[in-house]
Amino acid sequence: MGIIGLNANRLLDGVPLEQVMAGVVPLCIAAFCYP
């Protein structure tokens, strides 16, 4: 919840959604690969 809040605040600060999503998908894959 804390991490989601931090990300949401960055989006409110003007970080483009497309830029965030370009990182979200590969990082979600990485999140499973590492463990």
Full PDB file with SEQRES, HELIX, SHEET, SSBOND, CRYST1, ORIGX, SCALE, CONECT and MASTER records, all heavy atoms in Angstrom:
SEQRES   1 A   35  MET GLY ILE ILE GLY LEU ASN ALA ASN ARG LEU LEU ASP          
SEQRES   2 A   35  GLY VAL PRO LEU GLU GLN VAL MET ALA GLY VAL VAL PRO          
SEQRES   3 A   35  LEU CYS ILE ALA ALA PHE CYS TYR PRO                          
HELIX    1 AA1 GLY A    2  LEU A   12  1                                  11    
HELIX    2 AA2 LEU A   17  CYS A   33  1                                  17    
CRYST1    1.000    1.000    1.000  90.00  90.00  90.00 P 1           1          
ORIGX1      1.000000  0.000000  0.000000        0.00000                         
ORIGX2      0.000000  1.000000  0.000000        0.00000                         
ORIGX3      0.000000  0.000000  1.000000        0.00000                         
SCALE1      1.000000  0.000000  0.000000        0.00000                         
SCALE2      0.000000  1.000000  0.000000        0.00000                         
SCALE3      0.000000  0.000000  1.000000        0.00000                         
ATOM      1  N   MET A   1       0.842  -1.205   0.000  1.00  0.00           N  
ATOM      2  CA  MET A   1       0.000   0.000   0.000  1.00  0.00           C  
ATOM      3  C   MET A   1       0.875   1.253   0.000  1.00  0.00           C  
ATOM      4  O   MET A   1       0.570   2.244  -0.684  1.00  0.00           O  
ATOM      5  CB  MET A   1      -0.917  -0.015   1.217  1.00  0.00           C  
ATOM      6  CG  MET A   1      -2.093  -0.973   1.108  1.00  0.00           C  
ATOM      7  SD  MET A   1      -3.097  -1.004   2.604  1.00  0.00           S  
ATOM      8  CE  MET A   1      -3.623   0.707   2.676  1.00  0.00           C  
ATOM      9  N   GLY A   2       1.955   1.200   0.758  1.00  0.00           N  
ATOM     10  CA  GLY A   2       2.873   2.335   0.760  1.00  0.00           C  
ATOM     11  C   GLY A   2       3.508   2.554  -0.599  1.00  0.00           C  
ATOM     12  O   GLY A   2       3.623   3.693  -1.079  1.00  0.00           O  
ATOM     13  N   ILE A   3       3.897   1.455  -1.263  1.00  0.00           N  
ATOM     14  CA  ILE A   3       4.519   1.567  -2.577  1.00  0.00           C  
ATOM     15  C   ILE A   3       3.520   2.093  -3.603  1.00  0.00           C  
ATOM     16  O   ILE A   3       3.853   2.946  -4.429  1.00  0.00           O  
ATOM     17  CB  ILE A   3       5.062   0.196  -3.026  1.00  0.00           C  
ATOM     18  CG1 ILE A   3       6.139  -0.297  -2.037  1.00  0.00           C  
ATOM     19  CG2 ILE A   3       5.637   0.274  -4.432  1.00  0.00           C  
ATOM     20  CD1 ILE A   3       7.292   0.660  -1.859  1.00  0.00           C  
ATOM     21  N   ILE A   4       2.298   1.601  -3.542  1.00  0.00           N  
ATOM     22  CA  ILE A   4       1.268   2.079  -4.474  1.00  0.00           C  
ATOM     23  C   ILE A   4       1.020   3.574  -4.267  1.00  0.00           C  
ATOM     24  O   ILE A   4       0.872   4.346  -5.226  1.00  0.00           O  
ATOM     25  CB  ILE A   4      -0.033   1.286  -4.284  1.00  0.00           C  
ATOM     26  CG1 ILE A   4       0.167  -0.160  -4.756  1.00  0.00           C  
ATOM     27  CG2 ILE A   4      -1.180   1.931  -5.064  1.00  0.00           C  
ATOM     28  CD1 ILE A   4      -1.000  -1.068  -4.450  1.00  0.00           C  
ATOM     29  N   GLY A   5       0.996   3.990  -2.990  1.00  0.00           N  
ATOM     30  CA  GLY A   5       0.807   5.409  -2.711  1.00  0.00           C  
ATOM     31  C   GLY A   5       1.920   6.266  -3.279  1.00  0.00           C  
ATOM     32  O   GLY A   5       1.674   7.345  -3.838  1.00  0.00           O  
ATOM     33  N   LEU A   6       3.148   5.777  -3.171  1.00  0.00           N  
ATOM     34  CA  LEU A   6       4.282   6.515  -3.723  1.00  0.00           C  
ATOM     35  C   LEU A   6       4.168   6.623  -5.239  1.00  0.00           C  
ATOM     36  O   LEU A   6       4.434   7.680  -5.823  1.00  0.00           O  
ATOM     37  CB  LEU A   6       5.589   5.812  -3.332  1.00  0.00           C  
ATOM     38  CG  LEU A   6       5.945   5.840  -1.837  1.00  0.00           C  
ATOM     39  CD1 LEU A   6       7.155   4.963  -1.568  1.00  0.00           C  
ATOM     40  CD2 LEU A   6       6.211   7.268  -1.374  1.00  0.00           C  
ATOM     41  N   ASN A   7       3.800   5.515  -5.897  1.00  0.00           N  
ATOM     42  CA  ASN A   7       3.643   5.546  -7.352  1.00  0.00           C  
ATOM     43  C   ASN A   7       2.515   6.468  -7.774  1.00  0.00           C  
ATOM     44  O   ASN A   7       2.642   7.220  -8.752  1.00  0.00           O  
ATOM     45  CB  ASN A   7       3.367   4.125  -7.867  1.00  0.00           C  
ATOM     46  CG  ASN A   7       4.638   3.332  -8.086  1.00  0.00           C  
ATOM     47  OD1 ASN A   7       5.355   3.570  -9.049  1.00  0.00           O  
ATOM     48  ND2 ASN A   7       4.917   2.393  -7.202  1.00  0.00           N  
ATOM     49  N   ALA A   8       1.394   6.390  -7.057  1.00  0.00           N  
ATOM     50  CA  ALA A   8       0.252   7.238  -7.405  1.00  0.00           C  
ATOM     51  C   ALA A   8       0.600   8.709  -7.271  1.00  0.00           C  
ATOM     52  O   ALA A   8       0.192   9.540  -8.106  1.00  0.00           O  
ATOM     53  CB  ALA A   8      -0.939   6.894  -6.510  1.00  0.00           C  
ATOM     54  N   ASN A   9       1.366   9.041  -6.253  1.00  0.00           N  
ATOM     55  CA  ASN A   9       1.752  10.439  -6.068  1.00  0.00           C  
ATOM     56  C   ASN A   9       2.657  10.920  -7.196  1.00  0.00           C  
ATOM     57  O   ASN A   9       2.569  12.071  -7.637  1.00  0.00           O  
ATOM     58  CB  ASN A   9       2.448  10.602  -4.722  1.00  0.00           C  
ATOM     59  CG  ASN A   9       2.614  12.057  -4.336  1.00  0.00           C  
ATOM     60  OD1 ASN A   9       1.657  12.813  -4.311  1.00  0.00           O  
ATOM     61  ND2 ASN A   9       3.849  12.454  -4.050  1.00  0.00           N  
ATOM     62  N   ARG A  10       3.511  10.015  -7.686  1.00  0.00           N  
ATOM     63  CA  ARG A  10       4.363  10.396  -8.813  1.00  0.00           C  
ATOM     64  C   ARG A  10       3.537  10.661 -10.066  1.00  0.00           C  
ATOM     65  O   ARG A  10       3.824  11.579 -10.839  1.00  0.00           O  
ATOM     66  CB  ARG A  10       5.381   9.282  -9.092  1.00  0.00           C  
ATOM     67  CG  ARG A  10       6.440   9.119  -8.012  1.00  0.00           C  
ATOM     68  CD  ARG A  10       7.352  10.306  -7.951  1.00  0.00           C  
ATOM     69  NE  ARG A  10       8.175  10.435  -9.142  1.00  0.00           N  
ATOM     70  CZ  ARG A  10       9.026  11.423  -9.366  1.00  0.00           C  
ATOM     71  NH1 ARG A  10       9.146  12.382  -8.477  1.00  0.00           N  
ATOM     72  NH2 ARG A  10       9.731  11.467 -10.480  1.00  0.00           N  
ATOM     73  N   LEU A  11       2.497   9.843 -10.258  1.00  0.00           N  
ATOM     74  CA  LEU A  11       1.616  10.065 -11.400  1.00  0.00           C  
ATOM     75  C   LEU A  11       0.911  11.413 -11.289  1.00  0.00           C  
ATOM     76  O   LEU A  11       0.769  12.148 -12.274  1.00  0.00           O  
ATOM     77  CB  LEU A  11       0.579   8.940 -11.493  1.00  0.00           C  
ATOM     78  CG  LEU A  11       1.104   7.575 -11.950  1.00  0.00           C  
ATOM     79  CD1 LEU A  11       0.025   6.523 -11.799  1.00  0.00           C  
ATOM     80  CD2 LEU A  11       1.594   7.650 -13.396  1.00  0.00           C  
ATOM     81  N   LEU A  12       0.490  11.755 -10.058  1.00  0.00           N  
ATOM     82  CA  LEU A  12      -0.163  13.046  -9.840  1.00  0.00           C  
ATOM     83  C   LEU A  12       0.803  14.203 -10.068  1.00  0.00           C  
ATOM     84  O   LEU A  12       0.382  15.324 -10.390  1.00  0.00           O  
ATOM     85  CB  LEU A  12      -0.738  13.113  -8.422  1.00  0.00           C  
ATOM     86  CG  LEU A  12      -1.897  12.158  -8.125  1.00  0.00           C  
ATOM     87  CD1 LEU A  12      -2.295  12.246  -6.655  1.00  0.00           C  
ATOM     88  CD2 LEU A  12      -3.090  12.472  -9.027  1.00  0.00           C  
ATOM     89  N   ASP A  13       2.104  13.934  -9.903  1.00  0.00           N  
ATOM     90  CA  ASP A  13       3.103  14.973 -10.119  1.00  0.00           C  
ATOM     91  C   ASP A  13       3.415  15.183 -11.599  1.00  0.00           C  
ATOM     92  O   ASP A  13       4.250  16.020 -11.945  1.00  0.00           O  
ATOM     93  CB  ASP A  13       4.392  14.632  -9.373  1.00  0.00           C  
ATOM     94  CG  ASP A  13       4.257  14.868  -7.876  1.00  0.00           C  
ATOM     95  OD1 ASP A  13       3.321  15.573  -7.482  1.00  0.00           O  
ATOM     96  OD2 ASP A  13       5.082  14.333  -7.103  1.00  0.00           O  
ATOM     97  N   GLY A  14       2.777  14.386 -12.464  1.00  0.00           N  
ATOM     98  CA  GLY A  14       2.919  14.636 -13.897  1.00  0.00           C  
ATOM     99  C   GLY A  14       3.719  13.618 -14.677  1.00  0.00           C  
ATOM    100  O   GLY A  14       3.962  13.821 -15.882  1.00  0.00           O  
ATOM    101  N   VAL A  15       4.160  12.519 -14.052  1.00  0.00           N  
ATOM    102  CA  VAL A  15       4.867  11.475 -14.800  1.00  0.00           C  
ATOM    103  C   VAL A  15       3.868  10.808 -15.744  1.00  0.00           C  
ATOM    104  O   VAL A  15       2.818  10.346 -15.308  1.00  0.00           O  
ATOM    105  CB  VAL A  15       5.474  10.428 -13.850  1.00  0.00           C  
ATOM    106  CG1 VAL A  15       6.153   9.309 -14.647  1.00  0.00           C  
ATOM    107  CG2 VAL A  15       6.468  11.086 -12.913  1.00  0.00           C  
ATOM    108  N   PRO A  16       4.149  10.763 -17.047  1.00  0.00           N  
ATOM    109  CA  PRO A  16       3.188  10.204 -18.010  1.00  0.00           C  
ATOM    110  C   PRO A  16       2.859   8.741 -17.707  1.00  0.00           C  
ATOM    111  O   PRO A  16       3.739   7.958 -17.343  1.00  0.00           O  
ATOM    112  CB  PRO A  16       3.920  10.332 -19.360  1.00  0.00           C  
ATOM    113  CG  PRO A  16       4.936  11.402 -19.145  1.00  0.00           C  
ATOM    114  CD  PRO A  16       5.360  11.292 -17.716  1.00  0.00           C  
ATOM    115  N   LEU A  17       1.584   8.404 -17.877  1.00  0.00           N  
ATOM    116  CA  LEU A  17       1.141   7.043 -17.633  1.00  0.00           C  
ATOM    117  C   LEU A  17       1.843   6.060 -18.568  1.00  0.00           C  
ATOM    118  O   LEU A  17       2.206   4.948 -18.166  1.00  0.00           O  
ATOM    119  CB  LEU A  17      -0.376   6.949 -17.817  1.00  0.00           C  
ATOM    120  CG  LEU A  17      -0.992   5.551 -17.647  1.00  0.00           C  
ATOM    121  CD1 LEU A  17      -0.743   5.018 -16.245  1.00  0.00           C  
ATOM    122  CD2 LEU A  17      -2.485   5.586 -17.963  1.00  0.00           C  
ATOM    123  N   GLU A  18       2.052   6.469 -19.837  1.00  0.00           N  
ATOM    124  CA  GLU A  18       2.722   5.589 -20.789  1.00  0.00           C  
ATOM    125  C   GLU A  18       4.141   5.257 -20.333  1.00  0.00           C  
ATOM    126  O   GLU A  18       4.615   4.133 -20.495  1.00  0.00           O  
ATOM    127  CB  GLU A  18       2.773   6.245 -22.171  1.00  0.00           C  
ATOM    128  CG  GLU A  18       1.409   6.449 -22.814  1.00  0.00           C  
ATOM    129  CD  GLU A  18       0.665   7.648 -22.247  1.00  0.00           C  
ATOM    130  OE1 GLU A  18       1.291   8.401 -21.472  1.00  0.00           O  
ATOM    131  OE2 GLU A  18      -0.528   7.822 -22.566  1.00  0.00           O  
ATOM    132  N   GLN A  19       4.815   6.232 -19.750  1.00  0.00           N  
ATOM    133  CA  GLN A  19       6.170   6.027 -19.283  1.00  0.00           C  
ATOM    134  C   GLN A  19       6.187   5.058 -18.109  1.00  0.00           C  
ATOM    135  O   GLN A  19       7.075   4.210 -18.003  1.00  0.00           O  
ATOM    136  CB  GLN A  19       6.786   7.374 -18.868  1.00  0.00           C  
ATOM    137  CG  GLN A  19       8.262   7.301 -18.530  1.00  0.00           C  
ATOM    138  CD  GLN A  19       8.836   8.664 -18.193  1.00  0.00           C  
ATOM    139  OE1 GLN A  19       8.084   9.626 -18.014  1.00  0.00           O  
ATOM    140  NE2 GLN A  19      10.145   8.764 -18.111  1.00  0.00           N  
ATOM    141  N   VAL A  20       5.199   5.182 -17.238  1.00  0.00           N  
ATOM    142  CA  VAL A  20       5.116   4.274 -16.096  1.00  0.00           C  
ATOM    143  C   VAL A  20       4.824   2.847 -16.553  1.00  0.00           C  
ATOM    144  O   VAL A  20       5.454   1.890 -16.114  1.00  0.00           O  
ATOM    145  CB  VAL A  20       4.041   4.751 -15.102  1.00  0.00           C  
ATOM    146  CG1 VAL A  20       3.880   3.744 -13.962  1.00  0.00           C  
ATOM    147  CG2 VAL A  20       4.403   6.119 -14.539  1.00  0.00           C  
ATOM    148  N   MET A  21       3.864   2.704 -17.479  1.00  0.00           N  
ATOM    149  CA  MET A  21       3.464   1.377 -17.934  1.00  0.00           C  
ATOM    150  C   MET A  21       4.580   0.675 -18.682  1.00  0.00           C  
ATOM    151  O   MET A  21       4.681  -0.559 -18.658  1.00  0.00           O  
ATOM    152  CB  MET A  21       2.223   1.479 -18.833  1.00  0.00           C  
ATOM    153  CG  MET A  21       0.965   1.885 -18.091  1.00  0.00           C  
ATOM    154  SD  MET A  21       0.591   0.787 -16.690  1.00  0.00           S  
ATOM    155  CE  MET A  21       0.369  -0.778 -17.540  1.00  0.00           C  
ATOM    156  N   ALA A  22       5.440   1.444 -19.355  1.00  0.00           N  
ATOM    157  CA  ALA A  22       6.571   0.832 -20.048  1.00  0.00           C  
ATOM    158  C   ALA A  22       7.534   0.181 -19.070  1.00  0.00           C  
ATOM    159  O   ALA A  22       8.332  -0.679 -19.460  1.00  0.00           O  
ATOM    160  CB  ALA A  22       7.308   1.881 -20.883  1.00  0.00           C  
ATOM    161  N   GLY A  23       7.474   0.609 -17.823  1.00  0.00           N  
ATOM    162  CA  GLY A  23       8.294  -0.032 -16.805  1.00  0.00           C  
ATOM    163  C   GLY A  23       7.540  -1.052 -15.979  1.00  0.00           C  
ATOM    164  O   GLY A  23       8.127  -2.006 -15.477  1.00  0.00           O  
ATOM    165  N   VAL A  24       6.225  -0.880 -15.857  1.00  0.00           N  
ATOM    166  CA  VAL A  24       5.432  -1.754 -14.997  1.00  0.00           C  
ATOM    167  C   VAL A  24       5.429  -3.187 -15.499  1.00  0.00           C  
ATOM    168  O   VAL A  24       5.667  -4.135 -14.741  1.00  0.00           O  
ATOM    169  CB  VAL A  24       3.987  -1.232 -14.875  1.00  0.00           C  
ATOM    170  CG1 VAL A  24       3.081  -2.284 -14.257  1.00  0.00           C  
ATOM    171  CG2 VAL A  24       3.964   0.042 -14.039  1.00  0.00           C  
ATOM    172  N   VAL A  25       5.163  -3.391 -16.785  1.00  0.00           N  
ATOM    173  CA  VAL A  25       5.025  -4.750 -17.318  1.00  0.00           C  
ATOM    174  C   VAL A  25       6.308  -5.560 -17.168  1.00  0.00           C  
ATOM    175  O   VAL A  25       6.284  -6.668 -16.607  1.00  0.00           O  
ATOM    176  CB  VAL A  25       4.551  -4.719 -18.787  1.00  0.00           C  
ATOM    177  CG1 VAL A  25       4.545  -6.125 -19.382  1.00  0.00           C  
ATOM    178  CG2 VAL A  25       3.159  -4.100 -18.880  1.00  0.00           C  
ATOM    179  N   PRO A  26       7.467  -5.065 -17.639  1.00  0.00           N  
ATOM    180  CA  PRO A  26       8.684  -5.868 -17.458  1.00  0.00           C  
ATOM    181  C   PRO A  26       9.051  -6.061 -15.994  1.00  0.00           C  
ATOM    182  O   PRO A  26       9.586  -7.113 -15.621  1.00  0.00           O  
ATOM    183  CB  PRO A  26       9.764  -5.075 -18.206  1.00  0.00           C  
ATOM    184  CG  PRO A  26       9.232  -3.693 -18.317  1.00  0.00           C  
ATOM    185  CD  PRO A  26       7.751  -3.836 -18.416  1.00  0.00           C  
ATOM    186  N   LEU A  27       8.765  -5.068 -15.159  1.00  0.00           N  
ATOM    187  CA  LEU A  27       9.109  -5.211 -13.747  1.00  0.00           C  
ATOM    188  C   LEU A  27       8.206  -6.219 -13.046  1.00  0.00           C  
ATOM    189  O   LEU A  27       8.635  -6.891 -12.098  1.00  0.00           O  
ATOM    190  CB  LEU A  27       9.051  -3.859 -13.051  1.00  0.00           C  
ATOM    191  CG  LEU A  27      10.217  -2.925 -13.385  1.00  0.00           C  
ATOM    192  CD1 LEU A  27       9.974  -1.529 -12.847  1.00  0.00           C  
ATOM    193  CD2 LEU A  27      11.529  -3.478 -12.851  1.00  0.00           C  
ATOM    194  N   CYS A  28       6.966  -6.330 -13.479  1.00  0.00           N  
ATOM    195  CA  CYS A  28       6.089  -7.363 -12.924  1.00  0.00           C  
ATOM    196  C   CYS A  28       6.601  -8.750 -13.283  1.00  0.00           C  
ATOM    197  O   CYS A  28       6.533  -9.692 -12.483  1.00  0.00           O  
ATOM    198  CB  CYS A  28       4.662  -7.173 -13.424  1.00  0.00           C  
ATOM    199  SG  CYS A  28       3.795  -5.781 -12.653  1.00  0.00           S  
ATOM    200  N   ILE A  29       7.131  -8.889 -14.503  1.00  0.00           N  
ATOM    201  CA  ILE A  29       7.750 -10.165 -14.893  1.00  0.00           C  
ATOM    202  C   ILE A  29       8.980 -10.429 -14.027  1.00  0.00           C  
ATOM    203  O   ILE A  29       9.177 -11.537 -13.514  1.00  0.00           O  
ATOM    204  CB  ILE A  29       8.123 -10.138 -16.381  1.00  0.00           C  
ATOM    205  CG1 ILE A  29       6.867 -10.002 -17.238  1.00  0.00           C  
ATOM    206  CG2 ILE A  29       8.896 -11.396 -16.766  1.00  0.00           C  
ATOM    207  CD1 ILE A  29       7.145  -9.803 -18.721  1.00  0.00           C  
ATOM    208  N   ALA A  30       9.810  -9.403 -13.863  1.00  0.00           N  
ATOM    209  CA  ALA A  30      11.015  -9.546 -13.046  1.00  0.00           C  
ATOM    210  C   ALA A  30      10.672  -9.895 -11.603  1.00  0.00           C  
ATOM    211  O   ALA A  30      11.405 -10.639 -10.944  1.00  0.00           O  
ATOM    212  CB  ALA A  30      11.827  -8.250 -13.086  1.00  0.00           C  
ATOM    213  N   ALA A  31       9.540  -9.371 -11.119  1.00  0.00           N  
ATOM    214  CA  ALA A  31       9.133  -9.608  -9.736  1.00  0.00           C  
ATOM    215  C   ALA A  31       8.901 -11.087  -9.457  1.00  0.00           C  
ATOM    216  O   ALA A  31       9.090 -11.548  -8.324  1.00  0.00           O  
ATOM    217  CB  ALA A  31       7.866  -8.814  -9.424  1.00  0.00           C  
ATOM    218  N   PHE A  32       8.498 -11.847 -10.457  1.00  0.00           N  
ATOM    219  CA  PHE A  32       8.319 -13.286 -10.300  1.00  0.00           C  
ATOM    220  C   PHE A  32       9.612 -14.051 -10.587  1.00  0.00           C  
ATOM    221  O   PHE A  32       9.903 -15.061  -9.944  1.00  0.00           O  
ATOM    222  CB  PHE A  32       7.204 -13.790 -11.224  1.00  0.00           C  
ATOM    223  CG  PHE A  32       5.825 -13.522 -10.698  1.00  0.00           C  
ATOM    224  CD1 PHE A  32       5.165 -12.348 -11.013  1.00  0.00           C  
ATOM    225  CD2 PHE A  32       5.188 -14.439  -9.882  1.00  0.00           C  
ATOM    226  CE1 PHE A  32       3.884 -12.089 -10.520  1.00  0.00           C  
ATOM    227  CE2 PHE A  32       3.913 -14.198  -9.392  1.00  0.00           C  
ATOM    228  CZ  PHE A  32       3.264 -13.013  -9.707  1.00  0.00           C  
ATOM    229  N   CYS A  33      10.371 -13.575 -11.563  1.00  0.00           N  
ATOM    230  CA  CYS A  33      11.589 -14.300 -11.955  1.00  0.00           C  
ATOM    231  C   CYS A  33      12.590 -14.397 -10.808  1.00  0.00           C  
ATOM    232  O   CYS A  33      13.193 -15.458 -10.581  1.00  0.00           O  
ATOM    233  CB  CYS A  33      12.241 -13.601 -13.147  1.00  0.00           C  
ATOM    234  SG  CYS A  33      11.330 -13.767 -14.697  1.00  0.00           S  
ATOM    235  N   TYR A  34      12.783 -13.291 -10.077  1.00  0.00           N  
ATOM    236  CA  TYR A  34      13.823 -13.277  -9.048  1.00  0.00           C  
ATOM    237  C   TYR A  34      13.535 -14.257  -7.908  1.00  0.00           C  
ATOM    238  O   TYR A  34      14.401 -15.066  -7.549  1.00  0.00           O  
ATOM    239  CB  TYR A  34      14.000 -11.855  -8.516  1.00  0.00           C  
ATOM    240  CG  TYR A  34      15.258 -11.669  -7.706  1.00  0.00           C  
ATOM    241  CD1 TYR A  34      16.497 -11.919  -8.266  1.00  0.00           C  
ATOM    242  CD2 TYR A  34      15.208 -11.236  -6.382  1.00  0.00           C  
ATOM    243  CE1 TYR A  34      17.665 -11.748  -7.534  1.00  0.00           C  
ATOM    244  CE2 TYR A  34      16.361 -11.064  -5.647  1.00  0.00           C  
ATOM    245  CZ  TYR A  34      17.580 -11.314  -6.226  1.00  0.00           C  
ATOM    246  OH  TYR A  34      18.724 -11.152  -5.498  1.00  0.00           O  
ATOM    247  N   PRO A  35      12.344 -14.261  -7.301  1.00  0.00           N  
ATOM    248  CA  PRO A  35      12.100 -15.247  -6.242  1.00  0.00           C  
ATOM    249  C   PRO A  35      12.057 -16.681  -6.756  1.00  0.00           C  
ATOM    250  O   PRO A  35      12.398 -17.607  -6.013  1.00  0.00           O  
ATOM    251  CB  PRO A  35      10.747 -14.820  -5.651  1.00  0.00           C  
ATOM    252  CG  PRO A  35      10.115 -13.970  -6.681  1.00  0.00           C  
ATOM    253  CD  PRO A  35      11.232 -13.295  -7.408  1.00  0.00           C  
TER     254      PRO A  35                                                      
MASTER        0    0    0    2    0    0    0    6  253    1    0    3          
END                                                                             
